[in-house]
N, C-alpha and C. Protein backbone atom coordinates (compact mmCIF):
# COMPACT_ATOMS: atom_id res chain seq x y z
N MET A 1 40.92 10.48 -47.26
CA MET A 1 40.39 9.70 -46.68
C MET A 1 39.43 8.73 -47.45
N ALA A 2 39.75 7.25 -47.13
CA ALA A 2 38.76 6.35 -47.80
C ALA A 2 37.53 5.89 -47.21
N ASN A 3 37.02 5.74 -47.78
CA ASN A 3 35.73 5.24 -46.91
C ASN A 3 35.96 3.75 -46.83
N THR A 4 35.25 3.76 -45.45
CA THR A 4 35.71 2.38 -44.57
C THR A 4 34.37 1.30 -45.19
N PRO A 5 34.32 0.22 -45.00
CA PRO A 5 33.47 -0.83 -45.57
C PRO A 5 32.36 -0.74 -44.23
N ILE A 6 31.31 -1.04 -45.18
CA ILE A 6 30.39 -1.25 -43.45
C ILE A 6 30.59 -2.57 -43.15
N ALA A 7 30.03 -2.90 -42.15
CA ALA A 7 30.57 -4.69 -41.42
C ALA A 7 29.03 -5.31 -42.32
N PRO A 8 29.10 -6.47 -42.48
CA PRO A 8 27.78 -7.13 -42.87
C PRO A 8 27.00 -7.44 -41.66
N SER A 9 27.28 -7.36 -40.20
CA SER A 9 26.51 -6.76 -39.38
C SER A 9 25.53 -5.96 -39.39
N GLU A 10 26.30 -4.72 -39.60
CA GLU A 10 25.80 -3.41 -39.56
C GLU A 10 25.06 -3.10 -40.63
N VAL A 11 24.97 -3.95 -42.04
CA VAL A 11 24.10 -3.47 -43.00
C VAL A 11 23.11 -4.69 -43.06
N ALA A 12 22.92 -5.36 -41.98
CA ALA A 12 22.08 -6.17 -41.87
C ALA A 12 21.34 -5.94 -40.87
N TRP A 13 21.67 -5.13 -39.85
CA TRP A 13 21.02 -4.44 -38.84
C TRP A 13 20.12 -3.26 -39.93
N ARG A 14 20.79 -2.86 -40.33
CA ARG A 14 20.40 -1.43 -41.32
C ARG A 14 19.01 -1.76 -42.32
N ASN A 15 19.20 -3.15 -42.51
CA ASN A 15 18.37 -3.66 -43.47
C ASN A 15 16.94 -3.87 -42.47
N GLY A 16 17.34 -4.04 -41.34
CA GLY A 16 16.36 -4.60 -40.39
C GLY A 16 15.89 -3.44 -39.67
N MET A 17 16.46 -2.45 -39.33
CA MET A 17 15.60 -1.20 -39.20
C MET A 17 14.50 -0.68 -40.09
N VAL A 18 15.08 -1.27 -41.83
CA VAL A 18 13.93 -0.62 -42.50
C VAL A 18 13.01 -1.41 -42.85
N SER A 19 13.06 -2.42 -42.41
CA SER A 19 12.00 -3.63 -42.55
C SER A 19 10.88 -3.05 -41.19
N LEU A 20 11.84 -3.19 -40.16
CA LEU A 20 11.13 -2.65 -38.74
C LEU A 20 10.13 -1.36 -39.33
N GLU A 21 10.96 -0.27 -40.11
CA GLU A 21 10.01 1.01 -40.21
C GLU A 21 8.56 0.48 -41.16
N ARG A 22 8.94 -0.47 -41.57
CA ARG A 22 7.59 -0.91 -42.79
C ARG A 22 6.81 -1.83 -42.27
N ARG A 23 6.87 -2.11 -40.81
CA ARG A 23 6.53 -2.86 -40.25
C ARG A 23 6.19 -4.44 -40.43
N SER A 24 7.75 -4.81 -41.18
CA SER A 24 7.54 -6.23 -41.51
C SER A 24 8.28 -6.72 -40.41
N TYR A 25 7.43 -7.02 -39.60
CA TYR A 25 8.16 -7.44 -38.65
C TYR A 25 8.91 -8.62 -38.36
N LYS A 26 8.26 -9.48 -38.96
CA LYS A 26 8.80 -10.61 -39.08
C LYS A 26 10.56 -10.98 -40.20
N GLU A 27 10.38 -10.00 -41.11
CA GLU A 27 11.42 -9.96 -41.83
C GLU A 27 12.62 -9.19 -41.24
N SER A 28 12.37 -7.96 -40.28
CA SER A 28 13.40 -7.26 -39.23
C SER A 28 13.85 -8.36 -37.96
N ILE A 29 12.86 -9.44 -37.83
CA ILE A 29 13.22 -10.75 -36.55
C ILE A 29 14.49 -11.28 -37.40
N SER A 30 14.19 -11.54 -38.82
CA SER A 30 15.53 -12.73 -39.48
C SER A 30 16.68 -11.72 -39.76
N LEU A 31 16.35 -10.19 -39.77
CA LEU A 31 17.72 -8.96 -40.09
C LEU A 31 18.35 -9.22 -38.75
N PHE A 32 17.85 -8.60 -38.03
CA PHE A 32 18.47 -8.88 -36.50
C PHE A 32 19.38 -9.69 -36.06
N GLN A 33 18.71 -10.66 -36.37
CA GLN A 33 19.10 -12.31 -35.66
C GLN A 33 20.56 -12.40 -36.78
N GLN A 34 20.21 -12.68 -38.30
CA GLN A 34 21.24 -12.51 -38.83
C GLN A 34 22.40 -11.23 -38.55
N ALA A 35 22.38 -9.86 -38.30
CA ALA A 35 23.13 -9.40 -37.54
C ALA A 35 23.77 -10.02 -36.25
N ILE A 36 23.06 -10.33 -35.30
CA ILE A 36 23.74 -10.62 -34.11
C ILE A 36 24.86 -12.29 -34.65
N ASP A 37 24.43 -13.13 -35.46
CA ASP A 37 24.89 -13.85 -35.98
C ASP A 37 26.16 -13.72 -37.05
N LEU A 38 26.23 -12.48 -37.57
CA LEU A 38 27.35 -11.73 -38.66
C LEU A 38 28.10 -11.56 -37.42
N GLU A 39 27.86 -11.03 -36.67
CA GLU A 39 29.01 -10.31 -35.74
C GLU A 39 29.67 -11.16 -34.63
N ARG A 40 28.75 -12.34 -34.62
CA ARG A 40 29.56 -13.47 -34.19
C ARG A 40 30.73 -14.05 -34.97
N GLN A 41 29.95 -14.27 -36.01
CA GLN A 41 31.02 -14.29 -37.00
C GLN A 41 32.73 -14.05 -37.61
N GLU A 42 32.21 -12.51 -37.35
CA GLU A 42 33.37 -11.35 -37.47
C GLU A 42 34.23 -11.34 -36.41
N GLY A 43 33.96 -12.23 -35.12
CA GLY A 43 34.85 -12.60 -34.06
C GLY A 43 34.44 -11.65 -33.19
N ALA A 44 33.05 -11.01 -32.92
CA ALA A 44 32.70 -10.29 -31.49
C ALA A 44 32.37 -11.37 -30.43
N LYS A 45 32.83 -11.17 -29.17
CA LYS A 45 32.50 -11.93 -28.44
C LYS A 45 30.91 -11.79 -28.16
N ASN A 46 30.52 -10.81 -27.92
CA ASN A 46 29.06 -10.18 -27.69
C ASN A 46 28.59 -9.47 -28.79
N PRO A 47 27.52 -9.45 -28.98
CA PRO A 47 26.91 -8.81 -30.02
C PRO A 47 26.54 -7.70 -29.45
N LYS A 48 26.74 -6.57 -30.24
CA LYS A 48 26.07 -4.98 -30.21
C LYS A 48 24.69 -4.92 -29.46
N MET A 49 24.73 -4.66 -28.37
CA MET A 49 23.59 -4.37 -27.47
C MET A 49 22.25 -3.94 -28.55
N LYS A 50 22.08 -2.68 -29.65
CA LYS A 50 21.30 -1.83 -30.00
C LYS A 50 20.85 -2.87 -31.04
N TYR A 51 21.54 -4.00 -31.43
CA TYR A 51 21.05 -5.23 -32.56
C TYR A 51 19.98 -6.55 -31.60
N VAL A 52 20.45 -6.89 -30.10
CA VAL A 52 19.81 -7.54 -29.20
C VAL A 52 18.29 -6.35 -29.04
N SER A 53 18.60 -5.48 -28.80
CA SER A 53 17.51 -4.43 -28.42
C SER A 53 16.52 -4.65 -29.53
N TYR A 54 16.73 -4.30 -30.60
CA TYR A 54 15.91 -4.24 -31.62
C TYR A 54 15.18 -5.44 -32.09
N LEU A 55 15.86 -6.58 -32.11
CA LEU A 55 15.46 -7.78 -31.62
C LEU A 55 14.57 -8.03 -31.05
N GLY A 56 14.48 -7.76 -29.82
CA GLY A 56 13.37 -7.73 -29.30
C GLY A 56 12.31 -7.20 -29.61
N LEU A 57 12.17 -5.75 -29.35
CA LEU A 57 11.95 -4.68 -30.13
C LEU A 57 10.88 -5.50 -30.94
N ALA A 58 11.50 -6.17 -32.47
CA ALA A 58 10.46 -6.44 -33.44
C ALA A 58 10.14 -7.93 -32.65
N LEU A 59 10.81 -8.84 -31.96
CA LEU A 59 9.94 -9.78 -31.59
C LEU A 59 8.35 -9.64 -30.75
N THR A 60 8.68 -8.56 -30.15
CA THR A 60 7.16 -7.84 -29.07
C THR A 60 6.29 -7.76 -30.04
N LEU A 61 6.75 -6.54 -31.10
CA LEU A 61 5.97 -6.26 -32.11
C LEU A 61 5.06 -6.89 -33.32
N SER A 62 6.48 -8.24 -33.22
CA SER A 62 5.30 -9.26 -33.71
C SER A 62 4.24 -9.98 -33.26
N ASN A 63 4.64 -10.53 -32.21
CA ASN A 63 4.17 -11.55 -31.43
C ASN A 63 2.95 -10.72 -30.36
N GLY A 64 2.63 -9.06 -30.00
CA GLY A 64 1.79 -8.81 -29.16
C GLY A 64 2.54 -8.82 -27.76
N LYS A 65 2.64 -9.25 -26.78
CA LYS A 65 3.48 -9.61 -25.68
C LYS A 65 4.28 -10.96 -26.07
N SER A 66 5.25 -10.48 -25.24
CA SER A 66 6.68 -11.31 -25.93
C SER A 66 7.68 -11.40 -24.60
N GLU A 67 7.93 -12.20 -23.53
CA GLU A 67 8.40 -12.17 -22.35
C GLU A 67 10.15 -12.03 -23.06
N GLU A 68 10.34 -12.75 -24.35
CA GLU A 68 11.62 -13.24 -24.85
C GLU A 68 12.29 -11.43 -25.12
N GLY A 69 11.15 -11.00 -26.19
CA GLY A 69 11.90 -9.62 -26.40
C GLY A 69 12.12 -8.63 -25.18
N GLN A 70 11.24 -8.83 -23.94
CA GLN A 70 11.23 -8.02 -22.91
C GLN A 70 13.04 -8.19 -22.49
N ARG A 71 13.11 -9.88 -22.34
CA ARG A 71 14.41 -10.15 -21.72
C ARG A 71 15.55 -9.48 -22.29
N LEU A 72 15.32 -9.96 -23.52
CA LEU A 72 16.42 -9.23 -24.58
C LEU A 72 16.58 -7.65 -24.85
N CYS A 73 15.46 -7.01 -24.05
CA CYS A 73 15.66 -5.30 -24.08
C CYS A 73 15.92 -5.14 -22.76
N GLU A 74 15.62 -5.98 -21.82
CA GLU A 74 16.14 -5.62 -20.70
C GLU A 74 17.71 -5.81 -20.35
N GLN A 75 18.21 -7.17 -21.02
CA GLN A 75 19.62 -7.70 -21.62
C GLN A 75 20.62 -6.29 -21.83
N ALA A 76 19.90 -5.70 -23.14
CA ALA A 76 20.72 -4.69 -23.63
C ALA A 76 20.80 -3.60 -22.61
N VAL A 77 19.82 -3.07 -22.19
CA VAL A 77 20.21 -1.66 -21.10
C VAL A 77 20.84 -2.35 -20.05
N LYS A 78 21.07 -3.74 -19.48
CA LYS A 78 21.85 -3.77 -18.36
C LYS A 78 23.35 -3.47 -18.70
N ARG A 79 23.51 -3.93 -20.23
CA ARG A 79 24.95 -3.84 -20.65
C ARG A 79 25.28 -2.71 -21.38
N GLU A 80 24.32 -1.57 -21.52
CA GLU A 80 24.55 -0.48 -22.54
C GLU A 80 23.59 0.47 -21.92
N PHE A 81 23.76 0.97 -20.31
CA PHE A 81 23.09 2.00 -19.74
C PHE A 81 23.02 3.29 -19.95
N PHE A 82 23.61 3.48 -21.32
CA PHE A 82 24.22 4.91 -21.40
C PHE A 82 23.62 5.25 -22.86
N ASP A 83 22.71 4.29 -23.54
CA ASP A 83 22.36 4.41 -24.92
C ASP A 83 20.81 4.64 -24.65
N PRO A 84 19.78 6.01 -25.31
CA PRO A 84 18.64 6.59 -24.80
C PRO A 84 17.65 5.45 -25.64
N ASP A 85 18.05 5.31 -27.12
CA ASP A 85 17.39 4.03 -27.87
C ASP A 85 17.40 3.10 -27.21
N LEU A 86 17.83 2.54 -26.40
CA LEU A 86 17.39 1.01 -25.68
C LEU A 86 16.52 1.25 -24.86
N TYR A 87 16.87 2.12 -24.07
CA TYR A 87 15.51 2.16 -23.09
C TYR A 87 14.07 2.84 -23.91
N CYS A 88 14.23 3.69 -25.21
CA CYS A 88 12.87 3.54 -25.43
C CYS A 88 12.35 2.02 -25.99
N ASN A 89 13.23 1.74 -26.84
CA ASN A 89 12.87 0.03 -26.95
C ASN A 89 12.29 -0.61 -25.75
N LEU A 90 12.98 -0.81 -25.10
CA LEU A 90 12.37 -1.66 -23.20
C LEU A 90 11.38 -0.80 -23.03
N GLY A 91 11.09 1.20 -23.28
CA GLY A 91 10.02 1.10 -22.67
C GLY A 91 8.45 0.84 -23.35
N ILE A 92 8.89 0.45 -25.19
CA ILE A 92 7.97 0.28 -25.94
C ILE A 92 7.18 -1.18 -25.65
N VAL A 93 8.29 -2.14 -25.20
CA VAL A 93 8.17 -3.66 -24.62
C VAL A 93 7.21 -3.70 -23.70
N TYR A 94 7.46 -2.54 -22.79
CA TYR A 94 6.99 -2.87 -21.57
C TYR A 94 5.44 -2.20 -21.49
N LEU A 95 5.19 -1.23 -22.77
CA LEU A 95 3.80 -1.11 -22.75
C LEU A 95 2.97 -2.36 -23.54
N ARG A 96 3.46 -2.64 -24.54
CA ARG A 96 2.88 -4.21 -25.13
C ARG A 96 2.86 -5.08 -24.38
N ASN A 97 3.47 -4.90 -23.12
CA ASN A 97 3.33 -6.45 -21.92
C ASN A 97 2.40 -5.28 -20.65
N ARG A 98 2.17 -4.46 -21.00
CA ARG A 98 0.93 -3.74 -20.27
C ARG A 98 1.44 -3.65 -18.55
N LEU A 99 3.27 -3.11 -18.73
CA LEU A 99 3.96 -2.87 -17.60
C LEU A 99 4.24 -1.49 -18.02
N LYS A 100 2.94 -0.33 -17.46
CA LYS A 100 2.87 1.17 -17.87
C LYS A 100 4.25 1.42 -17.31
N SER A 101 4.28 1.18 -15.87
CA SER A 101 4.97 1.99 -14.84
C SER A 101 6.41 1.91 -15.34
N HIS A 102 6.47 0.61 -15.48
CA HIS A 102 8.07 0.15 -15.80
C HIS A 102 8.48 0.83 -17.18
N ALA A 103 7.49 1.00 -18.23
CA ALA A 103 7.52 1.85 -19.50
C ALA A 103 7.82 3.23 -19.33
N PHE A 104 6.69 3.46 -18.05
CA PHE A 104 7.24 5.45 -17.94
C PHE A 104 8.86 5.58 -17.52
N ASP A 105 9.01 4.58 -16.50
CA ASP A 105 10.26 4.98 -15.38
C ASP A 105 11.28 4.42 -17.06
N ALA A 106 11.47 3.38 -18.30
CA ALA A 106 12.47 3.47 -19.40
C ALA A 106 12.38 4.84 -20.01
N PHE A 107 11.59 5.09 -19.69
CA PHE A 107 11.67 6.68 -21.07
C PHE A 107 12.19 7.62 -19.74
N GLN A 108 11.90 7.71 -18.81
CA GLN A 108 12.02 8.61 -18.17
C GLN A 108 13.99 8.58 -18.39
N LYS A 109 14.66 7.20 -18.13
CA LYS A 109 15.69 7.10 -17.82
C LYS A 109 16.73 7.91 -19.13
N GLY A 110 15.45 7.17 -20.25
CA GLY A 110 16.10 7.20 -21.49
C GLY A 110 16.32 9.02 -21.85
N LEU A 111 14.74 9.79 -21.15
CA LEU A 111 15.22 11.32 -21.06
C LEU A 111 16.47 11.71 -20.35
N ASN A 112 16.92 11.24 -19.45
CA ASN A 112 17.42 11.48 -18.32
C ASN A 112 18.80 11.43 -19.21
N LEU A 113 19.24 10.34 -20.24
CA LEU A 113 20.47 10.52 -21.03
C LEU A 113 20.84 11.58 -22.32
N LYS A 114 19.23 11.57 -23.01
CA LYS A 114 18.90 12.46 -23.98
C LYS A 114 17.95 13.55 -24.01
N PRO A 115 17.97 14.49 -22.67
CA PRO A 115 16.63 15.23 -22.75
C PRO A 115 15.65 15.58 -24.08
N GLY A 116 15.94 15.59 -25.43
CA GLY A 116 15.20 15.90 -26.38
C GLY A 116 15.10 14.78 -27.21
N HIS A 117 14.92 13.68 -27.01
CA HIS A 117 15.67 12.32 -27.57
C HIS A 117 13.25 12.36 -28.65
N SER A 118 14.17 12.47 -29.70
CA SER A 118 12.43 12.46 -30.34
C SER A 118 11.38 10.99 -30.06
N ARG A 119 12.14 10.15 -29.98
CA ARG A 119 11.38 8.83 -30.39
C ARG A 119 10.82 8.56 -29.14
N ILE A 120 11.48 8.81 -28.03
CA ILE A 120 10.74 8.85 -26.55
C ILE A 120 9.61 9.57 -26.59
N LEU A 121 10.00 11.18 -26.30
CA LEU A 121 8.93 11.96 -26.48
C LEU A 121 7.48 11.66 -27.56
N GLU A 122 7.78 11.35 -28.46
CA GLU A 122 6.81 10.80 -29.62
C GLU A 122 5.80 9.65 -28.83
N GLU A 123 6.38 8.66 -27.93
CA GLU A 123 5.90 7.63 -27.58
C GLU A 123 5.15 8.16 -26.52
N LEU A 124 5.91 8.49 -25.22
CA LEU A 124 5.02 9.51 -24.21
C LEU A 124 3.55 10.47 -24.50
N GLU A 125 3.92 10.95 -25.71
CA GLU A 125 2.81 11.94 -26.49
C GLU A 125 1.77 10.85 -26.67
N LYS A 126 2.20 9.71 -27.04
CA LYS A 126 1.09 8.72 -27.48
C LYS A 126 0.33 8.18 -26.39
N TYR A 127 0.79 7.79 -25.67
CA TYR A 127 0.10 7.41 -24.12
C TYR A 127 -0.22 8.54 -23.23
N ASP A 128 -0.08 9.45 -23.12
CA ASP A 128 -0.24 10.21 -22.11
C ASP A 128 -1.42 11.03 -22.60
N ARG A 129 -2.57 10.95 -22.34
CA ARG A 129 -3.61 11.20 -22.85
C ARG A 129 -4.36 11.69 -21.91
N ARG A 130 -4.36 11.51 -20.77
CA ARG A 130 -4.96 12.47 -19.52
C ARG A 130 -5.28 13.43 -19.39
N GLY A 131 -6.35 13.83 -18.54
CA GLY A 131 -6.78 15.43 -18.76
C GLY A 131 -6.15 15.73 -17.25
N GLU A 132 -6.41 17.15 -17.04
CA GLU A 132 -6.25 17.50 -15.80
C GLU A 132 -7.41 17.26 -14.76
N PRO A 133 -7.24 16.68 -13.45
CA PRO A 133 -8.47 16.58 -12.59
C PRO A 133 -9.43 17.68 -12.91
N ILE A 134 -10.70 16.87 -12.78
CA ILE A 134 -12.12 18.06 -12.38
C ILE A 134 -11.60 18.99 -11.12
N LEU A 135 -10.89 18.61 -10.35
CA LEU A 135 -11.16 19.35 -9.02
C LEU A 135 -9.60 18.96 -8.62
N SER A 136 -8.82 20.14 -9.19
CA SER A 136 -7.62 19.98 -8.64
C SER A 136 -7.21 20.16 -7.50
N PHE A 137 -7.66 20.39 -6.88
CA PHE A 137 -7.63 20.56 -4.82
C PHE A 137 -7.77 18.99 -4.74
N LEU A 138 -8.65 18.37 -5.09
CA LEU A 138 -8.16 16.99 -4.39
C LEU A 138 -7.29 15.93 -5.77
N PRO A 139 -6.57 14.87 -4.76
CA PRO A 139 -5.84 13.92 -5.62
C PRO A 139 -6.37 13.59 -6.84
N ARG A 140 -6.08 12.98 -7.90
CA ARG A 140 -6.51 12.23 -9.38
C ARG A 140 -7.47 11.15 -8.80
N GLY A 141 -6.85 10.25 -8.07
CA GLY A 141 -7.65 8.52 -7.54
C GLY A 141 -8.72 9.12 -6.72
N HIS A 142 -8.92 10.51 -6.03
CA HIS A 142 -10.01 10.29 -5.18
C HIS A 142 -11.01 10.21 -6.22
N TYR A 143 -12.13 9.64 -5.38
CA TYR A 143 -13.62 9.16 -5.85
C TYR A 143 -14.38 10.06 -6.88
N LEU A 144 -14.28 11.46 -6.38
CA LEU A 144 -15.15 12.76 -6.73
C LEU A 144 -14.16 12.71 -8.41
N ASN A 145 -12.96 13.19 -8.60
CA ASN A 145 -12.56 13.15 -9.41
C ASN A 145 -12.71 12.13 -10.65
N ARG A 146 -12.60 11.02 -9.87
CA ARG A 146 -12.87 9.80 -10.94
C ARG A 146 -14.46 9.95 -11.55
N LEU A 147 -15.23 9.81 -10.91
CA LEU A 147 -16.58 10.24 -11.31
C LEU A 147 -16.75 11.12 -12.20
N LEU A 148 -16.37 12.26 -11.56
CA LEU A 148 -16.30 13.30 -12.83
C LEU A 148 -15.44 13.57 -14.03
N GLY A 149 -14.40 12.25 -13.60
CA GLY A 149 -13.23 12.53 -15.06
C GLY A 149 -14.74 11.48 -15.97
N ARG A 150 -14.99 10.02 -15.51
CA ARG A 150 -16.05 9.54 -16.38
C ARG A 150 -17.40 10.29 -16.90
N VAL A 151 -18.07 11.51 -16.21
CA VAL A 151 -18.81 11.72 -16.85
C VAL A 151 -18.21 13.03 -18.14
N ARG A 152 -17.44 13.37 -17.72
CA ARG A 152 -16.49 14.64 -19.05
C ARG A 152 -16.50 13.71 -20.09
N TYR A 153 -15.65 12.16 -19.87
CA TYR A 153 -15.18 11.45 -20.97
C TYR A 153 -16.28 11.28 -22.02
N ARG A 154 -17.50 10.70 -21.30
CA ARG A 154 -18.22 10.17 -21.85
C ARG A 154 -19.72 11.36 -22.43
N LEU A 155 -19.28 12.69 -21.69
CA LEU A 155 -20.37 13.59 -23.00
C LEU A 155 -19.16 14.18 -23.71
N ARG A 156 -17.80 14.44 -23.61
CA ARG A 156 -16.92 14.57 -25.04
C ARG A 156 -17.06 13.81 -25.89
N HIS A 157 -17.87 12.36 -25.94
CA HIS A 157 -18.36 11.33 -26.84
C HIS A 157 -19.23 11.82 -27.34
N LEU A 158 -20.02 12.05 -26.60
CA LEU A 158 -21.35 12.15 -26.89
C LEU A 158 -21.69 13.18 -28.08
N PHE A 159 -21.10 14.35 -27.42
CA PHE A 159 -21.10 15.65 -28.18
C PHE A 159 -20.32 15.63 -29.95
N ASP A 160 -18.71 14.70 -29.50
CA ASP A 160 -18.14 14.34 -30.70
C ASP A 160 -18.82 13.47 -31.69
N GLY A 161 -19.49 12.63 -31.43
CA GLY A 161 -20.61 12.01 -31.67
C GLY A 161 -21.76 12.61 -32.78
N ALA A 162 -22.53 13.45 -32.10
CA ALA A 162 -23.40 14.65 -32.53
C ALA A 162 -22.63 15.35 -33.60
N ALA A 163 -21.53 15.70 -33.23
CA ALA A 163 -20.63 17.21 -34.34
C ALA A 163 -20.70 15.77 -35.79
N ALA A 164 -20.08 14.66 -35.33
CA ALA A 164 -19.82 13.97 -36.60
C ALA A 164 -21.12 13.53 -37.24
N GLN A 165 -21.91 13.27 -36.72
CA GLN A 165 -23.50 12.99 -37.55
C GLN A 165 -23.94 14.62 -38.13
N GLN A 166 -23.50 15.55 -37.81
CA GLN A 166 -24.23 16.95 -38.54
C GLN A 166 -23.27 17.30 -39.50
N THR A 167 -21.89 16.51 -39.50
CA THR A 167 -20.91 17.03 -40.96
C THR A 167 -21.30 15.86 -42.08
């Protein structure tokens, strides 16, 4: 069985992924755009949505908050709603655009498609840092839980700072 050659658009996308992992966002933007352009030259009416999604992610990571990056990721998810990687990218973009509830919805949809998705689980672990409410019989947003939570936070930082000075 002969090895089938990899399409130039796929090569550009893979190189874009390497650049993205190195955090060379400008380079990855260029490579993802090149993958889209090459695929159109190869005769595709619409580019692969993974190319579009990763372009949106790279734009957002490069520029901070990016409406264009968000639009591209949303477009990709609408067309290929069965790919958990696209939901992960959308969730990251939403977080960068300060849309936390939308981000966690996107992550949840991705996990519904692939429950053990490692990138989504890593992202959730980064951002889900809230401790248990102090008074578990009261709602998290109750005034007493919020007040006691702030006190706990300050005490932890006070003790962490003191421990760091002793070492």
